[in-house]
Every structure is written in structure tokens, then in C-alpha cells.
PDB file of N, CA and C in Angstrom:
ATOM      1  N   UNK A   1      34.530   0.674  27.855  1.00  0.00           N
ATOM      2  CA  UNK A   1      33.467  -0.278  26.860  1.00  0.00           C
ATOM      3  C   UNK A   1      32.240   0.739  26.972  1.00  0.00           C
ATOM      4  N   UNK A   2      31.788   1.288  28.145  1.00  0.00           N
ATOM      5  CA  UNK A   2      30.597   1.944  27.882  1.00  0.00           C
ATOM      6  C   UNK A   2      30.533   3.343  27.148  1.00  0.00           C
ATOM      7  N   UNK A   3      31.626   3.557  26.659  1.00  0.00           N
ATOM      8  CA  UNK A   3      31.793   4.473  25.835  1.00  0.00           C
ATOM      9  C   UNK A   3      31.848   4.171  24.411  1.00  0.00           C
ATOM     10  N   UNK A   4      32.091   2.971  24.337  1.00  0.00           N
ATOM     11  CA  UNK A   4      32.053   2.331  22.945  1.00  0.00           C
ATOM     12  C   UNK A   4      30.684   2.182  22.847  1.00  0.00           C
ATOM     13  N   UNK A   5      29.942   1.379  24.019  1.00  0.00           N
ATOM     14  CA  UNK A   5      29.008   0.875  23.509  1.00  0.00           C
ATOM     15  C   UNK A   5      27.695   2.111  23.058  1.00  0.00           C
ATOM     16  N   UNK A   6      28.007   3.235  24.136  1.00  0.00           N
ATOM     17  CA  UNK A   6      27.001   4.390  23.959  1.00  0.00           C
ATOM     18  C   UNK A   6      27.331   5.353  22.564  1.00  0.00           C
ATOM     19  N   UNK A   7      28.608   5.315  21.970  1.00  0.00           N
ATOM     20  CA  UNK A   7      28.871   5.731  20.751  1.00  0.00           C
ATOM     21  C   UNK A   7      28.196   4.796  19.684  1.00  0.00           C
ATOM     22  N   UNK A   8      28.215   3.442  20.034  1.00  0.00           N
ATOM     23  CA  UNK A   8      27.602   2.764  18.868  1.00  0.00           C
ATOM     24  C   UNK A   8      26.175   2.720  18.384  1.00  0.00           C
ATOM     25  N   UNK A   9      25.277   3.128  19.589  1.00  0.00           N
ATOM     26  CA  UNK A   9      23.790   3.570  19.842  1.00  0.00           C
ATOM     27  C   UNK A   9      23.506   4.912  19.459  1.00  0.00           C
ATOM     28  N   UNK A  10      24.437   5.425  19.712  1.00  0.00           N
ATOM     29  CA  UNK A  10      24.235   7.149  19.108  1.00  0.00           C
ATOM     30  C   UNK A  10      24.415   7.107  17.362  1.00  0.00           C
ATOM     31  N   UNK A  11      25.404   6.332  16.998  1.00  0.00           N
ATOM     32  CA  UNK A  11      25.589   5.962  15.470  1.00  0.00           C
ATOM     33  C   UNK A  11      24.182   5.438  14.779  1.00  0.00           C
ATOM     34  N   UNK A  12      23.725   4.321  15.749  1.00  0.00           N
ATOM     35  CA  UNK A  12      22.586   3.493  15.156  1.00  0.00           C
ATOM     36  C   UNK A  12      21.683   4.520  15.363  1.00  0.00           C
ATOM     37  N   UNK A  13      20.928   5.247  16.020  1.00  0.00           N
ATOM     38  CA  UNK A  13      20.064   5.927  16.179  1.00  0.00           C
ATOM     39  C   UNK A  13      20.249   7.370  14.652  1.00  0.00           C
ATOM     40  N   UNK A  14      21.157   7.765  14.725  1.00  0.00           N
ATOM     41  CA  UNK A  14      21.539   8.940  13.566  1.00  0.00           C
ATOM     42  C   UNK A  14      21.335   8.070  12.276  1.00  0.00           C
ATOM     43  N   UNK A  15      21.420   6.603  11.927  1.00  0.00           N
ATOM     44  CA  UNK A  15      21.544   6.014  10.789  1.00  0.00           C
ATOM     45  C   UNK A  15      19.941   5.852  10.814  1.00  0.00           C
ATOM     46  N   UNK A  16      18.989   5.577  12.146  1.00  0.00           N
ATOM     47  CA  UNK A  16      17.785   5.276  12.016  1.00  0.00           C
ATOM     48  C   UNK A  16      16.901   6.618  11.289  1.00  0.00           C
ATOM     49  N   UNK A  17      17.211   7.638  12.069  1.00  0.00           N
ATOM     50  CA  UNK A  17      16.759   8.878  11.978  1.00  0.00           C
ATOM     51  C   UNK A  17      17.062   9.473  10.567  1.00  0.00           C
ATOM     52  N   UNK A  18      18.397   9.318   9.749  1.00  0.00           N
ATOM     53  CA  UNK A  18      18.550   9.369   8.143  1.00  0.00           C
ATOM     54  C   UNK A  18      17.795   8.585   7.387  1.00  0.00           C
ATOM     55  N   UNK A  19      17.363   7.293   7.472  1.00  0.00           N
ATOM     56  CA  UNK A  19      17.035   6.427   6.770  1.00  0.00           C
ATOM     57  C   UNK A  19      15.473   6.942   6.649  1.00  0.00           C
ATOM     58  N   UNK A  20      15.148   6.871   7.720  1.00  0.00           N
ATOM     59  CA  UNK A  20      13.549   7.642   7.724  1.00  0.00           C
ATOM     60  C   UNK A  20      13.254   9.075   7.021  1.00  0.00           C
ATOM     61  N   UNK A  21      13.866   9.776   6.732  1.00  0.00           N
ATOM     62  CA  UNK A  21      14.345  11.265   6.277  1.00  0.00           C
ATOM     63  C   UNK A  21      14.406  11.060   4.813  1.00  0.00           C
ATOM     64  N   UNK A  22      15.355   9.981   4.664  1.00  0.00           N
ATOM     65  CA  UNK A  22      15.235   9.747   3.150  1.00  0.00           C
ATOM     66  C   UNK A  22      14.478   8.813   2.252  1.00  0.00           C
ATOM     67  N   UNK A  23      13.589   8.241   2.837  1.00  0.00           N
ATOM     68  CA  UNK A  23      12.630   7.268   2.435  1.00  0.00           C
ATOM     69  C   UNK A  23      11.567   8.232   2.029  1.00  0.00           C
ATOM     70  N   UNK A  24      10.968   8.022   0.439  1.00  0.00           N
ATOM     71  CA  UNK A  24       9.935   8.873  -0.033  1.00  0.00           C
ATOM     72  C   UNK A  24       8.423   7.773   0.646  1.00  0.00           C
ATOM     73  N   UNK A  25       7.487   8.700   0.758  1.00  0.00           N
ATOM     74  CA  UNK A  25       6.314   8.644   1.177  1.00  0.00           C
ATOM     75  C   UNK A  25       5.881   7.024   0.375  1.00  0.00           C
ATOM     76  N   UNK A  26       5.347   6.223   1.105  1.00  0.00           N
ATOM     77  CA  UNK A  26       5.039   5.041  -0.004  1.00  0.00           C
ATOM     78  C   UNK A  26       3.965   5.654  -0.653  1.00  0.00           C
ATOM     79  N   UNK A  27       3.876   4.824  -2.193  1.00  0.00           N
ATOM     80  CA  UNK A  27       2.597   5.495  -2.933  1.00  0.00           C
ATOM     81  C   UNK A  27       1.668   4.473  -3.234  1.00  0.00           C
ATOM     82  N   UNK A  28       0.712   4.897  -3.939  1.00  0.00           N
ATOM     83  CA  UNK A  28      -0.262   3.643  -4.116  1.00  0.00           C
ATOM     84  C   UNK A  28       0.015   2.859  -5.391  1.00  0.00           C
ATOM     85  N   UNK A  29      -0.876   2.218  -6.134  1.00  0.00           N
ATOM     86  CA  UNK A  29      -0.208   0.899  -6.996  1.00  0.00           C
ATOM     87  C   UNK A  29      -0.425   2.248  -8.235  1.00  0.00           C
ATOM     88  N   UNK A  30      -1.171   3.432  -8.415  1.00  0.00           N
ATOM     89  CA  UNK A  30      -0.907   4.227  -9.519  1.00  0.00           C
ATOM     90  C   UNK A  30       0.440   5.182  -9.608  1.00  0.00           C
ATOM     91  N   UNK A  31       1.222   4.961  -8.487  1.00  0.00           N
ATOM     92  CA  UNK A  31       2.374   5.772  -8.373  1.00  0.00           C
ATOM     93  C   UNK A  31       1.970   7.168  -7.744  1.00  0.00           C
ATOM     94  N   UNK A  32       1.096   7.265  -7.399  1.00  0.00           N
ATOM     95  CA  UNK A  32       0.358   8.750  -6.933  1.00  0.00           C
ATOM     96  C   UNK A  32      -0.044   8.526  -5.312  1.00  0.00           C
ATOM     97  N   UNK A  33       0.723   9.293  -4.365  1.00  0.00           N
ATOM     98  CA  UNK A  33       0.350   9.251  -2.893  1.00  0.00           C
ATOM     99  C   UNK A  33      -1.005   9.491  -2.767  1.00  0.00           C
ATOM    100  N   UNK A  34      -1.154   9.038  -1.548  1.00  0.00           N
ATOM    101  CA  UNK A  34      -2.987   9.117  -1.281  1.00  0.00           C
ATOM    102  C   UNK A  34      -3.197  10.566  -0.910  1.00  0.00           C
ATOM    103  N   UNK A  35      -2.389  11.397  -0.749  1.00  0.00           N
ATOM    104  CA  UNK A  35      -2.464  12.932  -0.403  1.00  0.00           C
ATOM    105  C   UNK A  35      -2.889  13.435  -1.519  1.00  0.00           C
ATOM    106  N   UNK A  36      -2.137  12.901  -2.214  1.00  0.00           N
ATOM    107  CA  UNK A  36      -2.157  13.787  -3.729  1.00  0.00           C
ATOM    108  C   UNK A  36      -3.883  13.414  -4.646  1.00  0.00           C
ATOM    109  N   UNK A  37      -3.602  12.025  -4.502  1.00  0.00           N
ATOM    110  CA  UNK A  37      -5.303  11.244  -4.842  1.00  0.00           C
ATOM    111  C   UNK A  37      -6.706  12.519  -4.026  1.00  0.00           C
ATOM    112  N   UNK A  38      -6.212  12.470  -2.865  1.00  0.00           N
ATOM    113  CA  UNK A  38      -7.110  13.129  -2.065  1.00  0.00           C
ATOM    114  C   UNK A  38      -7.334  14.686  -2.734  1.00  0.00           C
ATOM    115  N   UNK A  39      -6.366  15.132  -2.791  1.00  0.00           N
ATOM    116  CA  UNK A  39      -6.167  16.814  -3.433  1.00  0.00           C
ATOM    117  C   UNK A  39      -6.868  16.471  -5.027  1.00  0.00           C
ATOM    118  N   UNK A  40      -6.889  15.487  -5.766  1.00  0.00           N
ATOM    119  CA  UNK A  40      -7.311  15.330  -7.189  1.00  0.00           C
ATOM    120  C   UNK A  40      -8.710  15.289  -6.951  1.00  0.00           C
ATOM    121  N   UNK A  41      -8.846  14.683  -6.273  1.00  0.00           N
ATOM    122  CA  UNK A  41     -10.660  14.137  -6.091  1.00  0.00           C
ATOM    123  C   UNK A  41     -11.226  15.017  -4.900  1.00  0.00           C
ATOM    124  N   UNK A  42     -10.730  16.157  -4.104  1.00  0.00           N
ATOM    125  CA  UNK A  42     -11.634  16.773  -3.505  1.00  0.00           C
ATOM    126  C   UNK A  42     -12.033  16.034  -2.658  1.00  0.00           C
ATOM    127  N   UNK A  43     -11.379  15.194  -1.578  1.00  0.00           N
ATOM    128  CA  UNK A  43     -11.990  14.206  -0.761  1.00  0.00           C
ATOM    129  C   UNK A  43     -11.070  14.015   0.211  1.00  0.00           C
ATOM    130  N   UNK A  44     -11.002  13.743   1.183  1.00  0.00           N
ATOM    131  CA  UNK A  44     -10.601  13.944   2.521  1.00  0.00           C
ATOM    132  C   UNK A  44      -9.418  12.629   2.516  1.00  0.00           C
ATOM    133  N   UNK A  45      -8.401  12.392   2.722  1.00  0.00           N
ATOM    134  CA  UNK A  45      -7.757  11.254   2.793  1.00  0.00           C
ATOM    135  C   UNK A  45      -7.723  10.245   3.829  1.00  0.00           C
ATOM    136  N   UNK A  46      -8.580  10.713   4.598  1.00  0.00           N
ATOM    137  CA  UNK A  46      -9.321   9.268   5.032  1.00  0.00           C
ATOM    138  C   UNK A  46      -9.905   8.463   3.968  1.00  0.00           C
ATOM    139  N   UNK A  47     -10.657   9.221   3.283  1.00  0.00           N
ATOM    140  CA  UNK A  47     -11.531   8.115   2.445  1.00  0.00           C
ATOM    141  C   UNK A  47     -10.706   7.540   1.544  1.00  0.00           C
ATOM    142  N   UNK A  48      -9.147   8.060   1.028  1.00  0.00           N
ATOM    143  CA  UNK A  48      -8.620   7.302   0.008  1.00  0.00           C
ATOM    144  C   UNK A  48      -8.205   5.915   0.764  1.00  0.00           C
ATOM    145  N   UNK A  49      -7.768   6.311   2.132  1.00  0.00           N
ATOM    146  CA  UNK A  49      -7.100   5.130   3.197  1.00  0.00           C
ATOM    147  C   UNK A  49      -8.215   4.349   2.943  1.00  0.00           C
ATOM    148  N   UNK A  50      -9.593   4.607   3.275  1.00  0.00           N
ATOM    149  CA  UNK A  50     -10.484   3.805   3.304  1.00  0.00           C
ATOM    150  C   UNK A  50     -11.082   2.685   2.201  1.00  0.00           C
ATOM    151  N   UNK A  51     -10.688   3.302   1.214  1.00  0.00           N
ATOM    152  CA  UNK A  51     -10.890   2.583   0.022  1.00  0.00           C
ATOM    153  C   UNK A  51      -9.494   1.498  -0.456  1.00  0.00           C
ATOM    154  N   UNK A  52      -8.539   1.771  -0.169  1.00  0.00           N
ATOM    155  CA  UNK A  52      -7.413   1.029  -0.264  1.00  0.00           C
ATOM    156  C   UNK A  52      -7.353  -0.227   0.560  1.00  0.00           C
ATOM    157  N   UNK A  53      -7.456   0.274   1.906  1.00  0.00           N
ATOM    158  CA  UNK A  53      -7.848  -1.134   2.839  1.00  0.00           C
ATOM    159  C   UNK A  53      -9.433  -2.041   2.273  1.00  0.00           C
ATOM    160  N   UNK A  54     -10.637  -1.430   1.441  1.00  0.00           N
ATOM    161  CA  UNK A  54     -11.422  -1.955   1.121  1.00  0.00           C
ATOM    162  C   UNK A  54     -11.065  -2.962  -0.145  1.00  0.00           C
ATOM    163  N   UNK A  55     -10.260  -2.044  -0.548  1.00  0.00           N
ATOM    164  CA  UNK A  55      -9.557  -2.598  -2.011  1.00  0.00           C
ATOM    165  C   UNK A  55      -8.909  -4.162  -1.721  1.00  0.00           C
ATOM    166  N   UNK A  56      -7.914  -3.976  -0.799  1.00  0.00           N
ATOM    167  CA  UNK A  56      -7.376  -5.127   0.029  1.00  0.00           C
ATOM    168  C   UNK A  56      -8.347  -6.074   0.466  1.00  0.00           C
ATOM    169  N   UNK A  57      -9.446  -6.072   1.225  1.00  0.00           N
ATOM    170  CA  UNK A  57     -10.292  -6.953   1.587  1.00  0.00           C
ATOM    171  C   UNK A  57     -11.031  -7.654   0.237  1.00  0.00           C
ATOM    172  N   UNK A  58     -11.550  -7.127  -0.271  1.00  0.00           N
ATOM    173  CA  UNK A  58     -12.203  -7.311  -2.006  1.00  0.00           C
ATOM    174  C   UNK A  58     -10.955  -8.247  -2.463  1.00  0.00           C
ATOM    175  N   UNK A  59     -10.160  -7.905  -2.345  1.00  0.00           N
ATOM    176  CA  UNK A  59      -9.213  -8.733  -3.460  1.00  0.00           C
ATOM    177  C   UNK A  59      -9.017 -10.252  -2.832  1.00  0.00           C
ATOM    178  N   UNK A  60      -8.708 -10.074  -1.333  1.00  0.00           N
ATOM    179  CA  UNK A  60      -8.387 -11.134  -0.488  1.00  0.00           C
ATOM    180  C   UNK A  60      -9.764 -12.273  -0.523  1.00  0.00           C
ATOM    181  N   UNK A  61     -11.315 -11.453  -0.359  1.00  0.00           N
ATOM    182  CA  UNK A  61     -12.274 -12.343  -0.311  1.00  0.00           C
ATOM    183  C   UNK A  61     -12.253 -13.236  -1.751  1.00  0.00           C
ATOM    184  N   UNK A  62     -12.082 -12.425  -2.868  1.00  0.00           N
ATOM    185  CA  UNK A  62     -12.272 -12.576  -4.528  1.00  0.00           C
ATOM    186  C   UNK A  62     -10.976 -14.346  -4.644  1.00  0.00           C
ATOM    187  N   UNK A  63      -9.658 -13.742  -3.631  1.00  0.00           N
ATOM    188  CA  UNK A  63      -8.983 -14.753  -4.251  1.00  0.00           C
ATOM    189  C   UNK A  63      -8.977 -16.101  -3.043  1.00  0.00           C
ATOM    190  N   UNK A  64      -9.811 -16.109  -2.465  1.00  0.00           N
ATOM    191  CA  UNK A  64     -10.480 -16.775  -1.398  1.00  0.00           C
ATOM    192  C   UNK A  64     -11.297 -17.762  -1.976  1.00  0.00           C
ATOM    193  N   UNK A  65     -12.528 -17.499  -2.422  1.00  0.00           N
ATOM    194  CA  UNK A  65     -13.616 -17.870  -3.225  1.00  0.00           C
ATOM    195  C   UNK A  65     -13.185 -18.702  -4.702  1.00  0.00           C
ATOM    196  N   UNK A  66     -11.931 -18.059  -5.028  1.00  0.00           N
ATOM    197  CA  UNK A  66     -11.517 -18.783  -6.292  1.00  0.00           C
ATOM    198  C   UNK A  66     -10.754 -19.849  -5.976  1.00  0.00           C
ATOM    199  N   UNK A  67      -9.758 -19.955  -4.525  1.00  0.00           N
ATOM    200  CA  UNK A  67      -9.347 -21.086  -4.278  1.00  0.00           C
ATOM    201  C   UNK A  67     -10.571 -22.418  -4.061  1.00  0.00           C
ATOM    202  N   UNK A  68     -11.677 -21.784  -3.665  1.00  0.00           N
ATOM    203  CA  UNK A  68     -12.329 -23.292  -2.710  1.00  0.00           C
ATOM    204  C   UNK A  68     -13.245 -23.357  -4.031  1.00  0.00           C
ATOM    205  N   UNK A  69     -12.967 -22.833  -5.177  1.00  0.00           N
ATOM    206  CA  UNK A  69     -13.616 -23.566  -6.250  1.00  0.00           C
ATOM    207  C   UNK A  69     -12.626 -23.935  -7.420  1.00  0.00           C
ATOM    208  N   UNK A  70     -11.393 -24.354  -6.869  1.00  0.00           N
ATOM    209  CA  UNK A  70     -10.408 -24.415  -7.472  1.00  0.00           C
ATOM    210  C   UNK A  70      -9.890 -23.688  -8.633  1.00  0.00           C
ATOM    211  N   UNK A  71     -10.108 -22.675  -8.675  1.00  0.00           N
ATOM    212  CA  UNK A  71      -9.944 -21.783  -9.843  1.00  0.00           C
ATOM    213  C   UNK A  71      -8.471 -20.993 -10.255  1.00  0.00           C
ATOM    214  N   UNK A  72      -7.792 -21.056 -11.234  1.00  0.00           N
ATOM    215  CA  UNK A  72      -6.478 -20.828 -11.378  1.00  0.00           C
ATOM    216  C   UNK A  72      -6.589 -19.426 -11.712  1.00  0.00           C
ATOM    217  N   UNK A  73      -6.007 -18.731 -10.771  1.00  0.00           N
ATOM    218  CA  UNK A  73      -5.876 -17.205 -11.054  1.00  0.00           C
ATOM    219  C   UNK A  73      -4.550 -16.636 -11.891  1.00  0.00           C
ATOM    220  N   UNK A  74      -4.987 -16.480 -13.010  1.00  0.00           N
ATOM    221  CA  UNK A  74      -4.076 -15.848 -13.914  1.00  0.00           C
ATOM    222  C   UNK A  74      -3.680 -14.601 -14.000  1.00  0.00           C
ATOM    223  N   UNK A  75      -2.582 -14.007 -14.581  1.00  0.00           N
ATOM    224  CA  UNK A  75      -2.722 -12.494 -14.855  1.00  0.00           C
ATOM    225  C   UNK A  75      -3.991 -11.726 -16.037  1.00  0.00           C
ATOM    226  N   UNK A  76      -4.165 -12.645 -16.525  1.00  0.00           N
ATOM    227  CA  UNK A  76      -5.210 -12.105 -17.705  1.00  0.00           C
ATOM    228  C   UNK A  76      -6.787 -12.021 -16.529  1.00  0.00           C
ATOM    229  N   UNK A  77      -6.856 -13.233 -15.777  1.00  0.00           N
ATOM    230  CA  UNK A  77      -7.931 -13.039 -15.006  1.00  0.00           C
ATOM    231  C   UNK A  77      -8.036 -11.878 -14.005  1.00  0.00           C
ATOM    232  N   UNK A  78      -6.822 -11.494 -13.526  1.00  0.00           N
ATOM    233  CA  UNK A  78      -6.799 -10.355 -12.624  1.00  0.00           C
ATOM    234  C   UNK A  78      -7.039  -9.068 -12.871  1.00  0.00           C
ATOM    235  N   UNK A  79      -6.806  -8.988 -14.597  1.00  0.00           N
ATOM    236  CA  UNK A  79      -6.804  -8.000 -15.552  1.00  0.00           C
ATOM    237  C   UNK A  79      -8.260  -7.576 -15.379  1.00  0.00           C
ATOM    238  N   UNK A  80      -9.068  -8.782 -15.676  1.00  0.00           N
ATOM    239  CA  UNK A  80     -10.010  -8.698 -16.475  1.00  0.00           C
ATOM    240  C   UNK A  80     -10.791  -7.942 -15.013  1.00  0.00           C
ATOM    241  N   UNK A  81     -10.709  -8.931 -13.819  1.00  0.00           N
ATOM    242  CA  UNK A  81     -11.239  -8.405 -12.367  1.00  0.00           C
ATOM    243  C   UNK A  81     -10.823  -7.023 -11.914  1.00  0.00           C
ATOM    244  N   UNK A  82      -9.649  -6.199 -12.574  1.00  0.00           N
ATOM    245  CA  UNK A  82      -9.467  -5.002 -12.266  1.00  0.00           C
ATOM    246  C   UNK A  82     -10.264  -4.296 -12.960  1.00  0.00           C
ATOM    247  N   UNK A  83     -10.551  -4.440 -14.350  1.00  0.00           N
ATOM    248  CA  UNK A  83     -11.405  -3.916 -15.041  1.00  0.00           C
ATOM    249  C   UNK A  83     -12.838  -3.434 -14.811  1.00  0.00           C
ATOM    250  N   UNK A  84     -13.141  -4.532 -14.226  1.00  0.00           N
ATOM    251  CA  UNK A  84     -14.871  -5.095 -13.546  1.00  0.00           C
ATOM    252  C   UNK A  84     -14.859  -4.058 -12.143  1.00  0.00           C
ATOM    253  N   UNK A  85     -14.107  -3.600 -11.709  1.00  0.00           N
ATOM    254  CA  UNK A  85     -14.028  -3.517 -10.517  1.00  0.00           C
ATOM    255  C   UNK A  85     -13.869  -1.660 -10.694  1.00  0.00           C
ATOM    256  N   UNK A  86     -13.245  -1.437 -11.573  1.00  0.00           N
ATOM    257  CA  UNK A  86     -13.183  -0.016 -12.188  1.00  0.00           C
ATOM    258  C   UNK A  86     -14.442   0.746 -12.423  1.00  0.00           C
ATOM    259  N   UNK A  87     -14.945  -0.487 -13.476  1.00  0.00           N
ATOM    260  CA  UNK A  87     -16.431  -0.216 -14.036  1.00  0.00           C
ATOM    261  C   UNK A  87     -17.302   0.478 -13.220  1.00  0.00           C
ATOM    262  N   UNK A  88     -17.290  -0.963 -11.811  1.00  0.00           N
ATOM    263  CA  UNK A  88     -18.052  -0.255 -11.218  1.00  0.00           C
ATOM    264  C   UNK A  88     -18.143   0.752 -10.228  1.00  0.00           C
ATOM    265  N   UNK A  89     -16.805   1.528 -10.165  1.00  0.00           N
ATOM    266  CA  UNK A  89     -16.279   2.695  -9.383  1.00  0.00           C
ATOM    267  C   UNK A  89     -16.813   3.960 -10.398  1.00  0.00           C
ATOM    268  N   UNK A  90     -17.160   4.174 -11.371  1.00  0.00           N
ATOM    269  CA  UNK A  90     -17.766   4.837 -12.273  1.00  0.00           C
ATOM    270  C   UNK A  90     -18.893   5.313 -12.421  1.00  0.00           C
TER     271      UNK A  90
END
């Protein structure tokens, strides 16, 4: 019984290692990894990571404020907001 349990644990561990190795690194919304973005703009990876974190905070704040005033959030509104934010970054 102990041999069967041990071998199943070994298989599970090998499968987990294989799954981790085969998965590509998560990419940003642009489809480019944070490492490549950092290289492209000659900044530290931590800066890209910080920008991504801030983006999430800004979006959450905007959505919560829209909900407070009972504003319906549509795809068009989100697109306009994205354009506004992109212009502010220029």
C-alpha cells in the first residue's frame, strides 16, 4: 500500500513540474510580457509591474464610482476611458 501511495505522489509531483515548465509566462493585455515591455521602454521590470498594479487600482476606483452614481458601464464607455487614460500617459 505504501509503495502505491509513494508512486502516485511521485507521478503527481512530476506532472506538476511538467505543467509549470510547459506553461508560457503570463502576458499583459497587449500580448507582450512585462520583461519585453521593460526592455522596449528601457525601464526596470518593477516599473512595468507597478504600472500594471496601478492600472488595476484605477480601474477598480473608476468602476466603484460609476456604480455609486448608477452609471451603466458598456464596452463603448470602457473604450473611451481607455483612450483617455492612454492620452494622459503620452
